[in-house]
């Protein structure tokens, strides 16, 4: 079976922001444990809708294999 891979492009929050309400991976407080989050207005929220602080980086999640 051939291996599949995708490159994830990380963006610095102070340089670019995701589309409004787009689900993205985020890095908060330098943590390498990426979490899903999204922006509501000017605030970052986690996947449960709770305020998550200020991420340093964000990335769109990988699309996964084509079916």
C-alpha atoms as a PDB file:
ATOM      1  CA  UNK A   1       0.000   0.000   0.000  1.00  0.00           C
ATOM      2  CA  UNK A   2       1.359   3.399  -0.957  1.00  0.00           C
ATOM      3  CA  UNK A   3       1.780   5.980   1.776  1.00  0.00           C
ATOM      4  CA  UNK A   4      -0.319   9.119   1.548  1.00  0.00           C
ATOM      5  CA  UNK A   5       0.853  12.465   2.861  1.00  0.00           C
ATOM      6  CA  UNK A   6      -0.218  16.083   2.900  1.00  0.00           C
ATOM      7  CA  UNK A   7       1.725  19.172   3.792  1.00  0.00           C
ATOM      8  CA  UNK A   8       0.120  21.339   6.444  1.00  0.00           C
ATOM      9  CA  UNK A   9       0.888  25.029   6.008  1.00  0.00           C
ATOM     10  CA  UNK A  10       1.072  26.867   9.354  1.00  0.00           C
ATOM     11  CA  UNK A  11       0.350  30.607   9.566  1.00  0.00           C
ATOM     12  CA  UNK A  12       1.368  33.051  12.289  1.00  0.00           C
ATOM     13  CA  UNK A  13      -1.732  34.708  13.751  1.00  0.00           C
ATOM     14  CA  UNK A  14      -0.070  38.129  13.600  1.00  0.00           C
ATOM     15  CA  UNK A  15       0.496  37.689   9.833  1.00  0.00           C
ATOM     16  CA  UNK A  16      -2.740  36.072   8.591  1.00  0.00           C
ATOM     17  CA  UNK A  17      -6.136  34.957   9.906  1.00  0.00           C
ATOM     18  CA  UNK A  18      -8.406  32.147   8.721  1.00  0.00           C
ATOM     19  CA  UNK A  19     -11.750  32.655   7.065  1.00  0.00           C
ATOM     20  CA  UNK A  20     -14.508  33.550   9.541  1.00  0.00           C
ATOM     21  CA  UNK A  21     -15.818  30.504  11.452  1.00  0.00           C
ATOM     22  CA  UNK A  22     -13.484  28.107   9.562  1.00  0.00           C
ATOM     23  CA  UNK A  23     -12.414  25.114  11.657  1.00  0.00           C
ATOM     24  CA  UNK A  24      -8.616  25.191  11.921  1.00  0.00           C
ATOM     25  CA  UNK A  25      -5.794  23.565  13.864  1.00  0.00           C
ATOM     26  CA  UNK A  26      -4.217  25.928  16.381  1.00  0.00           C
ATOM     27  CA  UNK A  27      -1.120  26.023  18.584  1.00  0.00           C
ATOM     28  CA  UNK A  28      -1.724  27.778  21.909  1.00  0.00           C
ATOM     29  CA  UNK A  29       1.026  28.784  24.386  1.00  0.00           C
ATOM     30  CA  UNK A  30       3.670  27.012  22.317  1.00  0.00           C
ATOM     31  CA  UNK A  31       1.928  23.681  22.799  1.00  0.00           C
ATOM     32  CA  UNK A  32       2.687  21.116  20.118  1.00  0.00           C
ATOM     33  CA  UNK A  33      -0.686  19.537  20.902  1.00  0.00           C
ATOM     34  CA  UNK A  34      -2.721  21.029  18.078  1.00  0.00           C
ATOM     35  CA  UNK A  35      -6.402  21.672  18.774  1.00  0.00           C
ATOM     36  CA  UNK A  36      -9.337  22.530  16.586  1.00  0.00           C
ATOM     37  CA  UNK A  37     -10.529  26.085  16.937  1.00  0.00           C
ATOM     38  CA  UNK A  38     -12.263  28.851  15.053  1.00  0.00           C
ATOM     39  CA  UNK A  39     -12.714  32.590  15.262  1.00  0.00           C
ATOM     40  CA  UNK A  40     -15.956  34.186  16.387  1.00  0.00           C
ATOM     41  CA  UNK A  41     -15.578  37.875  15.698  1.00  0.00           C
ATOM     42  CA  UNK A  42     -12.157  38.694  17.146  1.00  0.00           C
ATOM     43  CA  UNK A  43     -12.105  35.825  19.703  1.00  0.00           C
ATOM     44  CA  UNK A  44     -10.711  32.336  19.288  1.00  0.00           C
ATOM     45  CA  UNK A  45     -12.967  29.495  20.448  1.00  0.00           C
ATOM     46  CA  UNK A  46     -12.293  25.758  20.758  1.00  0.00           C
ATOM     47  CA  UNK A  47     -14.442  23.101  19.113  1.00  0.00           C
ATOM     48  CA  UNK A  48     -16.854  23.249  22.093  1.00  0.00           C
ATOM     49  CA  UNK A  49     -17.279  27.014  21.741  1.00  0.00           C
ATOM     50  CA  UNK A  50     -15.184  27.968  24.792  1.00  0.00           C
ATOM     51  CA  UNK A  51     -12.704  30.870  24.723  1.00  0.00           C
ATOM     52  CA  UNK A  52      -9.236  29.393  24.172  1.00  0.00           C
ATOM     53  CA  UNK A  53      -6.863  32.292  24.563  1.00  0.00           C
ATOM     54  CA  UNK A  54      -4.622  33.569  21.805  1.00  0.00           C
ATOM     55  CA  UNK A  55      -3.073  30.992  19.477  1.00  0.00           C
ATOM     56  CA  UNK A  56       0.306  31.752  17.951  1.00  0.00           C
ATOM     57  CA  UNK A  57      -0.216  29.614  14.842  1.00  0.00           C
ATOM     58  CA  UNK A  58      -3.112  28.148  12.870  1.00  0.00           C
ATOM     59  CA  UNK A  59      -3.539  25.841   9.859  1.00  0.00           C
ATOM     60  CA  UNK A  60      -6.385  24.455   7.816  1.00  0.00           C
ATOM     61  CA  UNK A  61      -6.759  20.728   8.604  1.00  0.00           C
ATOM     62  CA  UNK A  62      -5.649  18.190   5.999  1.00  0.00           C
ATOM     63  CA  UNK A  63      -8.308  17.055   3.541  1.00  0.00           C
ATOM     64  CA  UNK A  64      -7.523  13.354   3.888  1.00  0.00           C
ATOM     65  CA  UNK A  65      -7.404  10.768   1.112  1.00  0.00           C
ATOM     66  CA  UNK A  66      -9.615  11.124  -1.944  1.00  0.00           C
ATOM     67  CA  UNK A  67     -12.376   8.540  -2.209  1.00  0.00           C
END
